[in-house]
Protein backbone atom coordinates (compact mmCIF):
# COMPACT_ATOMS: atom_id res chain seq x y z
CA MET A 1 -1.78 -18.88 -7.81
CA THR A 2 -0.81 -16.40 -10.52
CA ALA A 3 -0.04 -17.98 -13.88
CA THR A 4 2.60 -16.54 -16.18
CA PRO A 5 0.81 -15.57 -19.40
CA THR A 6 2.44 -15.97 -22.77
CA THR A 7 3.40 -12.92 -24.80
CA THR A 8 0.67 -13.85 -27.28
CA ALA A 9 -1.98 -13.98 -24.56
CA MET A 10 -0.83 -10.64 -23.14
CA ASN A 11 -0.88 -9.01 -26.57
CA LYS A 12 -4.32 -10.37 -27.42
CA ALA A 13 -5.82 -9.22 -24.13
CA ALA A 14 -4.23 -5.79 -24.54
CA ALA A 15 -5.64 -5.57 -28.06
CA LEU A 16 -9.14 -6.44 -26.85
CA LYS A 17 -8.91 -3.86 -24.07
CA ALA A 18 -7.78 -1.22 -26.57
CA LEU A 19 -10.77 -1.92 -28.81
CA HIS A 20 -13.09 -1.08 -25.93
CA GLN A 21 -11.24 2.18 -25.30
CA GLN A 22 -10.72 3.44 -28.85
CA GLY A 23 -13.83 5.59 -28.94
CA ARG A 24 -15.39 3.77 -31.91
CA THR A 25 -18.09 1.15 -32.15
CA PHE A 26 -16.82 -2.25 -33.28
CA ILE A 27 -18.34 -5.59 -34.22
CA ILE A 28 -17.13 -8.72 -32.46
CA PRO A 29 -18.68 -11.65 -34.38
CA ASN A 30 -19.20 -15.10 -32.90
CA PRO A 31 -17.69 -18.10 -34.68
CA TRP A 32 -18.59 -21.56 -33.46
CA ASP A 33 -15.55 -23.55 -34.64
CA ARG A 34 -12.06 -23.13 -36.07
CA GLY A 35 -13.23 -22.86 -39.67
CA SER A 36 -15.74 -20.09 -39.02
CA ALA A 37 -13.15 -18.29 -36.87
CA ARG A 38 -10.60 -18.29 -39.67
CA LEU A 39 -13.14 -17.05 -42.20
CA LEU A 40 -14.16 -14.17 -39.93
CA GLU A 41 -10.52 -13.27 -39.37
CA ALA A 42 -9.97 -13.26 -43.14
CA ALA A 43 -13.02 -11.00 -43.52
CA GLY A 44 -11.26 -8.36 -41.45
CA PHE A 45 -12.88 -8.31 -38.00
CA PRO A 46 -10.62 -7.10 -35.16
CA ALA A 47 -11.70 -9.62 -32.50
CA LEU A 48 -13.91 -12.66 -31.96
CA ALA A 49 -16.30 -13.85 -29.27
CA THR A 50 -17.45 -17.42 -28.83
CA THR A 51 -21.06 -18.58 -28.65
CA SER A 52 -21.94 -21.32 -26.21
CA ALA A 53 -25.15 -22.00 -28.17
CA GLY A 54 -23.19 -22.29 -31.40
CA CYS A 55 -20.77 -24.69 -29.71
CA ASP A 56 -23.67 -26.79 -28.42
CA PHE A 57 -25.45 -26.85 -31.79
CA ALA A 58 -22.24 -27.99 -33.50
CA ARG A 59 -22.13 -30.88 -31.04
CA GLY A 60 -25.73 -31.78 -31.85
CA VAL A 61 -27.12 -30.90 -28.42
CA ARG A 62 -29.39 -28.23 -26.98
CA ASN A 63 -28.10 -24.94 -25.67
CA GLY A 64 -26.73 -25.40 -22.17
CA ALA A 65 -26.23 -29.15 -22.49
CA THR A 66 -22.43 -29.05 -22.51
CA GLY A 67 -20.32 -28.21 -19.50
CA ARG A 68 -17.35 -26.06 -18.71
CA ASP A 69 -14.71 -28.34 -20.23
CA ALA A 70 -16.37 -28.48 -23.65
CA ILE A 71 -17.09 -24.74 -23.75
CA LEU A 72 -13.52 -23.86 -22.78
CA ASP A 73 -12.09 -26.38 -25.24
CA ASN A 74 -14.16 -24.80 -28.01
CA ALA A 75 -13.00 -21.30 -27.03
CA VAL A 76 -9.37 -22.41 -26.97
CA GLU A 77 -9.69 -24.03 -30.41
CA ILE A 78 -11.06 -20.77 -31.79
CA ASP A 79 -8.35 -18.76 -30.05
CA ARG A 80 -5.57 -20.96 -31.41
CA ALA A 81 -7.04 -20.84 -34.92
CA THR A 82 -6.47 -17.11 -35.41
CA ASP A 83 -4.28 -14.21 -34.36
CA LEU A 84 -7.29 -12.28 -33.05
CA PRO A 85 -8.22 -11.76 -29.40
CA VAL A 86 -11.07 -14.01 -28.28
CA SER A 87 -13.68 -13.32 -25.61
CA ALA A 88 -15.43 -16.45 -24.36
CA ASP A 89 -19.11 -16.97 -23.61
CA LEU A 90 -18.76 -18.50 -20.16
CA GLU A 91 -22.49 -18.68 -19.43
CA HIS A 92 -23.16 -18.42 -15.68
CA GLY A 93 -19.70 -19.66 -14.76
CA PHE A 94 -20.82 -23.31 -14.68
CA GLY A 95 -21.96 -23.33 -11.09
CA ASP A 96 -24.01 -21.38 -8.59
CA ALA A 97 -21.26 -20.69 -6.08
CA PRO A 98 -18.87 -17.75 -6.40
CA GLU A 99 -16.07 -20.31 -6.21
CA ASP A 100 -17.39 -21.96 -9.38
CA VAL A 101 -17.33 -18.64 -11.21
CA ALA A 102 -13.82 -17.92 -9.94
CA GLU A 103 -12.56 -21.28 -11.18
CA THR A 104 -14.09 -20.72 -14.62
CA ILE A 105 -12.41 -17.33 -14.95
CA ARG A 106 -9.13 -18.73 -13.66
CA ARG A 107 -9.20 -21.47 -16.29
CA ALA A 108 -10.15 -19.04 -19.06
CA ILE A 109 -7.19 -16.81 -18.25
CA ALA A 110 -4.83 -19.77 -17.93
CA ALA A 111 -5.98 -20.94 -21.37
CA GLY A 112 -4.89 -17.63 -22.90
CA LEU A 113 -8.31 -16.16 -23.63
CA ALA A 114 -8.50 -12.36 -23.82
CA GLY A 115 -11.87 -11.97 -22.14
CA GLY A 116 -15.02 -13.70 -21.04
CA SER A 117 -18.59 -13.08 -19.96
CA ILE A 118 -20.45 -14.12 -16.82
CA GLU A 119 -24.24 -13.85 -16.67
CA ASP A 120 -26.65 -13.60 -13.76
CA ALA A 121 -29.01 -16.24 -15.19
CA SER A 122 -29.07 -19.41 -13.11
CA GLY A 123 -30.25 -21.89 -15.72
CA ARG A 124 -33.13 -22.96 -13.44
CA PRO A 125 -36.71 -22.48 -14.66
CA ASP A 126 -38.04 -21.92 -11.14
CA GLN A 127 -35.58 -19.10 -10.41
CA PRO A 128 -34.02 -18.03 -13.72
CA ILE A 129 -32.17 -15.00 -12.34
CA TYR A 130 -29.92 -15.01 -9.29
CA GLY A 131 -30.95 -12.73 -6.45
CA PHE A 132 -29.24 -9.35 -6.48
CA GLU A 133 -26.76 -10.00 -3.66
CA ARG A 134 -25.87 -13.44 -4.98
CA ALA A 135 -25.33 -12.08 -8.48
CA VAL A 136 -23.01 -9.37 -7.20
CA GLU A 137 -21.13 -11.82 -5.00
CA ARG A 138 -20.51 -14.03 -8.02
CA MET A 139 -19.24 -11.10 -10.08
CA ARG A 140 -16.91 -10.02 -7.28
CA ALA A 141 -15.43 -13.52 -7.26
CA ALA A 142 -14.71 -13.24 -10.97
CA VAL A 143 -13.12 -9.81 -10.55
CA GLU A 144 -10.91 -11.01 -7.71
CA VAL A 145 -9.40 -13.65 -9.97
CA VAL A 146 -8.84 -11.17 -12.80
CA ARG A 147 -7.05 -8.79 -10.45
CA THR A 148 -4.57 -11.45 -9.37
CA GLN A 149 -3.42 -11.94 -12.95
CA PRO A 150 -1.03 -9.75 -14.97
CA VAL A 151 -3.02 -10.19 -18.18
CA PRO A 152 -5.65 -7.45 -18.82
CA PHE A 153 -8.47 -9.98 -19.19
CA GLN A 154 -11.70 -8.19 -20.15
CA LEU A 155 -14.53 -9.30 -17.88
CA VAL A 156 -17.99 -8.89 -19.39
CA ALA A 157 -20.94 -8.78 -16.97
CA ARG A 158 -24.35 -9.80 -18.30
CA ALA A 159 -27.72 -8.92 -16.75
CA GLU A 160 -30.22 -11.38 -18.21
CA ASN A 161 -33.60 -10.11 -16.97
CA TYR A 162 -35.03 -9.38 -20.41
CA LEU A 163 -34.22 -12.82 -21.79
CA HIS A 164 -36.31 -14.40 -19.04
CA GLY A 165 -39.45 -12.31 -19.26
CA ARG A 166 -38.41 -9.81 -16.59
CA ARG A 167 -38.65 -6.52 -18.47
CA ASP A 168 -37.48 -4.48 -15.49
CA LEU A 169 -35.11 -1.82 -16.76
CA ARG A 170 -34.49 -0.32 -13.33
CA ASP A 171 -33.41 -3.64 -11.84
CA THR A 172 -31.31 -4.39 -14.92
CA ILE A 173 -29.50 -1.06 -14.58
CA ARG A 174 -29.10 -1.58 -10.83
CA ARG A 175 -27.44 -4.91 -11.48
CA LEU A 176 -25.11 -3.55 -14.14
CA GLN A 177 -24.13 -0.64 -11.91
CA ALA A 178 -23.30 -3.11 -9.14
CA PHE A 179 -21.29 -5.28 -11.54
CA GLN A 180 -19.44 -2.15 -12.66
CA GLU A 181 -18.65 -1.23 -9.07
CA ALA A 182 -17.44 -4.77 -8.48
CA GLY A 183 -14.92 -4.26 -11.29
CA ALA A 184 -16.43 -5.61 -14.52
CA ASP A 185 -14.90 -4.09 -17.67
CA VAL A 186 -17.82 -4.37 -20.11
CA LEU A 187 -21.58 -4.42 -19.46
CA TYR A 188 -24.28 -6.27 -21.33
CA ALA A 189 -28.08 -6.59 -21.05
CA PRO A 190 -29.25 -8.88 -23.86
CA GLY A 191 -32.88 -8.57 -24.92
CA LEU A 192 -33.37 -4.81 -24.83
CA SER A 193 -35.33 -3.79 -27.92
CA THR A 194 -36.02 -0.05 -27.86
CA ARG A 195 -33.78 2.94 -28.37
CA ASP A 196 -35.10 4.55 -25.20
CA GLU A 197 -34.23 1.49 -23.09
CA LEU A 198 -30.73 1.30 -24.49
CA ARG A 199 -30.13 5.05 -24.29
CA THR A 200 -31.25 5.10 -20.66
CA LEU A 201 -29.05 2.14 -19.73
CA ILE A 202 -25.95 3.61 -21.37
CA SER A 203 -26.51 6.97 -19.66
CA GLU A 204 -26.48 5.34 -16.23
CA VAL A 205 -23.30 3.26 -16.44
CA ASP A 206 -19.65 4.16 -16.91
CA ARG A 207 -18.35 1.12 -18.76
CA PRO A 208 -18.45 0.13 -22.44
CA VAL A 209 -21.77 -1.49 -23.32
CA ASN A 210 -22.17 -4.52 -25.57
CA VAL A 211 -25.35 -5.16 -27.57
CA VAL A 212 -26.11 -8.53 -29.11
CA MET A 213 -28.00 -8.51 -32.40
CA GLY A 214 -30.34 -11.28 -33.47
CA LEU A 215 -32.10 -12.22 -30.24
CA VAL A 216 -35.07 -9.85 -30.47
CA ASP A 217 -36.69 -7.62 -33.08
CA ALA A 218 -35.06 -4.38 -31.97
CA GLU A 219 -35.65 -0.81 -33.11
CA PHE A 220 -31.93 -0.40 -33.74
CA LYS A 221 -30.91 -2.19 -36.94
CA THR A 222 -27.47 -0.94 -37.98
CA VAL A 223 -24.03 -0.14 -36.65
CA ALA A 224 -24.84 3.53 -37.20
CA ASP A 225 -27.97 3.22 -35.05
CA LEU A 226 -26.03 1.63 -32.21
CA ALA A 227 -23.08 4.00 -32.46
CA ALA A 228 -25.45 6.97 -32.21
CA LEU A 229 -26.81 5.52 -28.97
CA GLY A 230 -23.32 5.14 -27.50
CA VAL A 231 -22.84 1.38 -27.90
CA VAL A 232 -19.17 0.38 -27.99
CA ARG A 233 -19.34 -3.30 -28.89
CA ILE A 234 -21.76 -5.30 -31.05
CA SER A 235 -21.88 -9.10 -30.87
CA LEU A 236 -23.99 -11.64 -32.75
CA GLY A 237 -24.44 -14.49 -30.28
CA SER A 238 -25.53 -17.60 -32.15
CA ALA A 239 -26.91 -15.63 -35.13
CA LEU A 240 -24.13 -16.54 -37.57
CA ALA A 241 -24.31 -20.22 -36.61
CA ARG A 242 -28.09 -20.15 -37.02
CA ARG A 243 -27.72 -18.45 -40.39
CA ALA A 244 -25.35 -21.21 -41.51
CA TYR A 245 -27.70 -23.94 -40.29
CA GLY A 246 -30.60 -22.11 -41.93
CA ALA A 247 -28.81 -22.23 -45.28
CA LEU A 248 -28.17 -25.95 -44.74
CA MET A 249 -31.85 -26.62 -44.09
CA ASP A 250 -32.97 -24.44 -47.01
CA GLY A 251 -30.87 -26.63 -49.27
CA ALA A 252 -32.20 -29.79 -47.65
CA ARG A 253 -35.82 -28.70 -48.11
CA GLU A 254 -35.24 -27.73 -51.74
CA MET A 255 -33.77 -31.13 -52.53
CA LEU A 256 -36.51 -33.05 -50.72
CA GLN A 257 -39.50 -30.95 -51.74
CA ARG A 258 -38.57 -29.70 -55.21
CA GLY A 259 -35.94 -32.17 -56.31
CA SER A 260 -33.70 -29.32 -57.40
CA PHE A 261 -30.28 -27.96 -56.50
CA ASP A 262 -30.60 -24.24 -57.21
CA PHE A 263 -29.33 -23.43 -53.71
CA ILE A 264 -25.82 -24.40 -54.77
CA ALA A 265 -25.58 -21.17 -56.79
CA ASP A 266 -25.50 -19.24 -53.50
CA ALA A 267 -22.77 -21.40 -51.96
CA MET A 268 -19.42 -19.84 -51.16
CA PRO A 269 -16.96 -20.93 -53.87
CA PHE A 270 -14.78 -23.88 -52.91
CA ARG A 271 -11.59 -22.01 -53.70
CA ASP A 272 -12.54 -19.02 -51.55
CA ILE A 273 -13.07 -21.24 -48.53
CA ASN A 274 -10.08 -23.44 -49.22
CA MET A 275 -7.66 -20.54 -49.64
CA SER A 276 -8.83 -18.98 -46.36
CA PHE A 277 -7.28 -21.85 -44.43
CA PRO A 278 -3.63 -22.76 -43.88
CA PRO A 279 -2.24 -25.69 -45.88
């Protein structure tokens, strides 16, 4: 059944689509809760993407421990907290079957999200990546849902080979080309680390490519590096959440090991945080 999107949802999805078509590289940072989303909006970013790992860490559980309901609830909270378009990290669609993926995309669109990603990683140690045909079938199911809806939801297709020790660039490109042909709007192969790998991938697909920073020690270090290679979108995954937790633990270690509180000097001023939020 086709849902009737709100004007806000339509406008946000259209804004996210336009960012991918503007001809300039943009950063889409990943907040993990309402507060971090509002701070990133205040900083001036044009769009946000959620992080399932950041959501899980905030709940005090390991990455992948929460299910579809919690991940979607987190994405909706972030979406409602700002006026920016939000693309959701939807993991592998929360199920192996194409029908599971379709239901996840259907719920994401119904919730008013502007976009979302589906990966070809299964979550199973014995077979971490879905077989080629199965992966494509799952992506087609996602696309079919998107095409029944009036909202220009941006579907991001992720090929996860490199994150699971399968450094097979040809297979990764083959998968992304198939996802593109299925109808995905944005392509994504997390874990690539060299300029040559990324340049080759971008030259062989016809969709905007996302690169996530912070997962591997990559040769490309700056927005300028990535723009020169043809990258359209740069995300951070759980990096900002991990940076925040790292600062927390640095302070904890200083107090316990040195008995001092020097870390407070680097804290964001209370007023700056407080005034970034609505009354």
